[in-house]
Amino acid sequence: MARRNLAAVLILVLPILPGHADARCSRTLTDSIIRAERLVDSLRPEKGGQARVFAYDGSEYTAGEALWMKGKLRAVLAECNRDDETHALPELTEVLTLVRAHHR
Protein backbone atom coordinates (compact mmCIF):
# COMPACT_ATOMS: atom_id res chain seq x y z
CA MET A 1 0.00 0.00 0.00
CA ALA A 2 2.78 2.43 0.89
CA ARG A 3 4.56 1.71 -2.40
CA ARG A 4 1.45 2.58 -4.38
CA ASN A 5 1.10 5.84 -2.48
CA LEU A 6 4.76 6.64 -3.09
CA ALA A 7 4.36 5.87 -6.80
CA ALA A 8 1.34 8.16 -6.99
CA VAL A 9 3.24 10.98 -5.29
CA LEU A 10 6.23 10.56 -7.63
CA ILE A 11 3.98 10.64 -10.68
CA LEU A 12 2.58 13.95 -9.48
CA VAL A 13 5.84 15.50 -8.28
CA LEU A 14 8.42 14.43 -10.89
CA PRO A 15 7.10 16.65 -13.68
CA ILE A 16 7.58 19.76 -11.52
CA LEU A 17 11.10 18.95 -10.33
CA PRO A 18 13.83 21.18 -11.78
CA GLY A 19 15.36 20.05 -15.05
CA HIS A 20 16.35 21.64 -18.30
CA ALA A 21 13.29 23.91 -18.16
CA ASP A 22 14.93 25.81 -15.30
CA ALA A 23 18.36 25.89 -16.92
CA ARG A 24 19.95 29.31 -16.92
CA CYS A 25 21.98 28.71 -20.06
CA SER A 26 21.27 30.42 -23.36
CA ARG A 27 18.33 29.23 -25.42
CA THR A 28 20.66 27.80 -28.07
CA LEU A 29 22.57 25.74 -25.51
CA THR A 30 19.34 24.64 -23.82
CA ASP A 31 17.92 23.49 -27.18
CA SER A 32 21.10 21.45 -27.80
CA ILE A 33 20.78 19.90 -24.35
CA ILE A 34 17.17 18.92 -25.05
CA ARG A 35 18.09 17.28 -28.38
CA ALA A 36 20.97 15.38 -26.76
CA GLU A 37 18.74 14.30 -23.86
CA ARG A 38 16.18 12.88 -26.28
CA LEU A 39 18.78 10.60 -27.83
CA VAL A 40 20.61 9.70 -24.63
CA ASP A 41 17.38 8.97 -22.75
CA SER A 42 16.43 6.47 -25.45
CA LEU A 43 19.54 4.41 -24.56
CA ARG A 44 18.62 1.77 -22.00
CA PRO A 45 21.61 -0.13 -20.60
CA GLU A 46 19.40 -1.99 -18.12
CA LYS A 47 21.07 -5.39 -17.94
CA GLY A 48 24.36 -6.02 -16.21
CA GLY A 49 27.05 -6.81 -18.76
CA GLN A 50 24.94 -5.55 -21.65
CA ALA A 51 27.42 -4.79 -24.40
CA ARG A 52 25.37 -2.76 -26.90
CA VAL A 53 22.44 -0.39 -26.66
CA PHE A 54 20.53 1.29 -29.47
CA ALA A 55 19.11 4.79 -29.66
CA TYR A 56 15.75 5.66 -31.17
CA ASP A 57 17.50 6.66 -34.43
CA GLY A 58 19.21 3.26 -34.75
CA SER A 59 22.66 4.42 -33.69
CA GLU A 60 24.59 1.92 -31.59
CA TYR A 61 26.59 2.58 -28.42
CA THR A 62 28.29 0.54 -25.76
CA ALA A 63 26.56 0.47 -22.39
CA GLY A 64 29.55 2.32 -20.95
CA GLU A 65 29.20 5.12 -23.51
CA ALA A 66 25.49 5.41 -22.72
CA LEU A 67 26.13 5.72 -18.99
CA TRP A 68 28.97 8.19 -19.60
CA MET A 69 26.71 10.40 -21.74
CA LYS A 70 23.94 10.29 -19.12
CA GLY A 71 26.42 11.41 -16.47
CA LYS A 72 27.81 14.19 -18.68
CA LEU A 73 24.32 15.52 -19.37
CA ARG A 74 23.56 15.57 -15.64
CA ALA A 75 26.73 17.62 -15.15
CA VAL A 76 25.76 19.98 -17.98
CA LEU A 77 22.34 20.59 -16.42
CA ALA A 78 23.90 21.17 -13.01
CA GLU A 79 26.31 23.71 -14.49
CA CYS A 80 23.48 25.48 -16.32
CA ASN A 81 21.47 25.62 -13.11
CA ARG A 82 24.52 27.24 -11.46
CA ASP A 83 24.56 29.74 -14.36
CA ASP A 84 27.95 28.39 -15.50
CA GLU A 85 27.61 28.17 -19.26
CA THR A 86 31.39 28.36 -19.77
CA HIS A 87 31.81 24.92 -18.16
CA ALA A 88 28.57 23.47 -19.54
CA LEU A 89 29.46 24.03 -23.19
CA PRO A 90 32.64 21.90 -23.33
CA GLU A 91 30.87 19.07 -21.47
CA LEU A 92 27.97 19.13 -23.93
CA THR A 93 30.39 19.30 -26.86
CA GLU A 94 32.00 16.04 -25.71
CA VAL A 95 28.59 14.33 -25.72
CA LEU A 96 27.64 15.75 -29.11
CA THR A 97 30.98 14.68 -30.59
CA LEU A 98 30.32 11.09 -29.53
CA VAL A 99 26.75 11.27 -30.87
CA ARG A 100 28.00 12.54 -34.24
CA ALA A 101 30.60 9.76 -34.39
CA HIS A 102 27.86 7.14 -34.00
CA HIS A 103 25.16 8.79 -36.07
CA ARG A 104 23.81 6.72 -38.93
C-alpha atoms as a PDB file:
ATOM      1  CA  MET A   1       0.000   0.000   0.000  1.00  0.00           C
ATOM      2  CA  ALA A   2       2.781   2.431   0.889  1.00  0.00           C
ATOM      3  CA  ARG A   3       4.556   1.712  -2.401  1.00  0.00           C
ATOM      4  CA  ARG A   4       1.450   2.578  -4.385  1.00  0.00           C
ATOM      5  CA  ASN A   5       1.103   5.841  -2.480  1.00  0.00           C
ATOM      6  CA  LEU A   6       4.763   6.643  -3.090  1.00  0.00           C
ATOM      7  CA  ALA A   7       4.361   5.869  -6.796  1.00  0.00           C
ATOM      8  CA  ALA A   8       1.336   8.158  -6.987  1.00  0.00           C
ATOM      9  CA  VAL A   9       3.237  10.983  -5.294  1.00  0.00           C
ATOM     10  CA  LEU A  10       6.228  10.558  -7.628  1.00  0.00           C
ATOM     11  CA  ILE A  11       3.981  10.641 -10.682  1.00  0.00           C
ATOM     12  CA  LEU A  12       2.578  13.951  -9.484  1.00  0.00           C
ATOM     13  CA  VAL A  13       5.840  15.501  -8.284  1.00  0.00           C
ATOM     14  CA  LEU A  14       8.421  14.429 -10.886  1.00  0.00           C
ATOM     15  CA  PRO A  15       7.103  16.654 -13.684  1.00  0.00           C
ATOM     16  CA  ILE A  16       7.582  19.758 -11.520  1.00  0.00           C
ATOM     17  CA  LEU A  17      11.104  18.952 -10.335  1.00  0.00           C
ATOM     18  CA  PRO A  18      13.825  21.184 -11.778  1.00  0.00           C
ATOM     19  CA  GLY A  19      15.360  20.051 -15.049  1.00  0.00           C
ATOM     20  CA  HIS A  20      16.351  21.635 -18.302  1.00  0.00           C
ATOM     21  CA  ALA A  21      13.287  23.911 -18.159  1.00  0.00           C
ATOM     22  CA  ASP A  22      14.929  25.809 -15.296  1.00  0.00           C
ATOM     23  CA  ALA A  23      18.358  25.894 -16.919  1.00  0.00           C
ATOM     24  CA  ARG A  24      19.952  29.313 -16.917  1.00  0.00           C
ATOM     25  CA  CYS A  25      21.980  28.707 -20.065  1.00  0.00           C
ATOM     26  CA  SER A  26      21.272  30.415 -23.363  1.00  0.00           C
ATOM     27  CA  ARG A  27      18.328  29.235 -25.418  1.00  0.00           C
ATOM     28  CA  THR A  28      20.658  27.795 -28.065  1.00  0.00           C
ATOM     29  CA  LEU A  29      22.565  25.735 -25.515  1.00  0.00           C
ATOM     30  CA  THR A  30      19.341  24.640 -23.821  1.00  0.00           C
ATOM     31  CA  ASP A  31      17.920  23.487 -27.178  1.00  0.00           C
ATOM     32  CA  SER A  32      21.100  21.454 -27.800  1.00  0.00           C
ATOM     33  CA  ILE A  33      20.780  19.896 -24.351  1.00  0.00           C
ATOM     34  CA  ILE A  34      17.168  18.917 -25.046  1.00  0.00           C
ATOM     35  CA  ARG A  35      18.095  17.279 -28.377  1.00  0.00           C
ATOM     36  CA  ALA A  36      20.972  15.384 -26.762  1.00  0.00           C
ATOM     37  CA  GLU A  37      18.743  14.303 -23.858  1.00  0.00           C
ATOM     38  CA  ARG A  38      16.177  12.882 -26.276  1.00  0.00           C
ATOM     39  CA  LEU A  39      18.775  10.599 -27.832  1.00  0.00           C
ATOM     40  CA  VAL A  40      20.613   9.702 -24.632  1.00  0.00           C
ATOM     41  CA  ASP A  41      17.377   8.974 -22.749  1.00  0.00           C
ATOM     42  CA  SER A  42      16.433   6.467 -25.451  1.00  0.00           C
ATOM     43  CA  LEU A  43      19.536   4.411 -24.558  1.00  0.00           C
ATOM     44  CA  ARG A  44      18.617   1.766 -22.001  1.00  0.00           C
ATOM     45  CA  PRO A  45      21.608  -0.130 -20.604  1.00  0.00           C
ATOM     46  CA  GLU A  46      19.404  -1.993 -18.121  1.00  0.00           C
ATOM     47  CA  LYS A  47      21.071  -5.392 -17.941  1.00  0.00           C
ATOM     48  CA  GLY A  48      24.360  -6.016 -16.212  1.00  0.00           C
ATOM     49  CA  GLY A  49      27.046  -6.808 -18.755  1.00  0.00           C
ATOM     50  CA  GLN A  50      24.939  -5.548 -21.651  1.00  0.00           C
ATOM     51  CA  ALA A  51      27.418  -4.794 -24.405  1.00  0.00           C
ATOM     52  CA  ARG A  52      25.371  -2.764 -26.905  1.00  0.00           C
ATOM     53  CA  VAL A  53      22.441  -0.390 -26.662  1.00  0.00           C
ATOM     54  CA  PHE A  54      20.533   1.285 -29.470  1.00  0.00           C
ATOM     55  CA  ALA A  55      19.109   4.795 -29.658  1.00  0.00           C
ATOM     56  CA  TYR A  56      15.746   5.659 -31.174  1.00  0.00           C
ATOM     57  CA  ASP A  57      17.498   6.657 -34.428  1.00  0.00           C
ATOM     58  CA  GLY A  58      19.212   3.263 -34.752  1.00  0.00           C
ATOM     59  CA  SER A  59      22.658   4.423 -33.693  1.00  0.00           C
ATOM     60  CA  GLU A  60      24.593   1.915 -31.590  1.00  0.00           C
ATOM     61  CA  TYR A  61      26.586   2.577 -28.420  1.00  0.00           C
ATOM     62  CA  THR A  62      28.289   0.540 -25.759  1.00  0.00           C
ATOM     63  CA  ALA A  63      26.557   0.469 -22.390  1.00  0.00           C
ATOM     64  CA  GLY A  64      29.551   2.323 -20.952  1.00  0.00           C
ATOM     65  CA  GLU A  65      29.200   5.124 -23.508  1.00  0.00           C
ATOM     66  CA  ALA A  66      25.490   5.411 -22.718  1.00  0.00           C
ATOM     67  CA  LEU A  67      26.133   5.721 -18.991  1.00  0.00           C
ATOM     68  CA  TRP A  68      28.971   8.190 -19.600  1.00  0.00           C
ATOM     69  CA  MET A  69      26.707  10.404 -21.737  1.00  0.00           C
ATOM     70  CA  LYS A  70      23.940  10.293 -19.122  1.00  0.00           C
ATOM     71  CA  GLY A  71      26.419  11.411 -16.470  1.00  0.00           C
ATOM     72  CA  LYS A  72      27.812  14.186 -18.680  1.00  0.00           C
ATOM     73  CA  LEU A  73      24.318  15.522 -19.370  1.00  0.00           C
ATOM     74  CA  ARG A  74      23.560  15.572 -15.639  1.00  0.00           C
ATOM     75  CA  ALA A  75      26.733  17.616 -15.152  1.00  0.00           C
ATOM     76  CA  VAL A  76      25.759  19.982 -17.977  1.00  0.00           C
ATOM     77  CA  LEU A  77      22.339  20.590 -16.422  1.00  0.00           C
ATOM     78  CA  ALA A  78      23.897  21.174 -13.007  1.00  0.00           C
ATOM     79  CA  GLU A  79      26.307  23.712 -14.491  1.00  0.00           C
ATOM     80  CA  CYS A  80      23.480  25.479 -16.319  1.00  0.00           C
ATOM     81  CA  ASN A  81      21.474  25.620 -13.111  1.00  0.00           C
ATOM     82  CA  ARG A  82      24.519  27.243 -11.456  1.00  0.00           C
ATOM     83  CA  ASP A  83      24.562  29.736 -14.356  1.00  0.00           C
ATOM     84  CA  ASP A  84      27.950  28.394 -15.498  1.00  0.00           C
ATOM     85  CA  GLU A  85      27.615  28.166 -19.262  1.00  0.00           C
ATOM     86  CA  THR A  86      31.391  28.361 -19.770  1.00  0.00           C
ATOM     87  CA  HIS A  87      31.810  24.917 -18.159  1.00  0.00           C
ATOM     88  CA  ALA A  88      28.568  23.465 -19.540  1.00  0.00           C
ATOM     89  CA  LEU A  89      29.455  24.026 -23.191  1.00  0.00           C
ATOM     90  CA  PRO A  90      32.643  21.896 -23.330  1.00  0.00           C
ATOM     91  CA  GLU A  91      30.868  19.068 -21.467  1.00  0.00           C
ATOM     92  CA  LEU A  92      27.966  19.132 -23.929  1.00  0.00           C
ATOM     93  CA  THR A  93      30.392  19.303 -26.856  1.00  0.00           C
ATOM     94  CA  GLU A  94      31.998  16.040 -25.715  1.00  0.00           C
ATOM     95  CA  VAL A  95      28.591  14.328 -25.718  1.00  0.00           C
ATOM     96  CA  LEU A  96      27.636  15.748 -29.113  1.00  0.00           C
ATOM     97  CA  THR A  97      30.980  14.684 -30.590  1.00  0.00           C
ATOM     98  CA  LEU A  98      30.321  11.087 -29.532  1.00  0.00           C
ATOM     99  CA  VAL A  99      26.749  11.270 -30.867  1.00  0.00           C
ATOM    100  CA  ARG A 100      27.998  12.541 -34.237  1.00  0.00           C
ATOM    101  CA  ALA A 101      30.602   9.762 -34.387  1.00  0.00           C
ATOM    102  CA  HIS A 102      27.861   7.139 -33.996  1.00  0.00           C
ATOM    103  CA  HIS A 103      25.157   8.795 -36.071  1.00  0.00           C
ATOM    104  CA  ARG A 104      23.810   6.724 -38.933  1.00  0.00           C
END
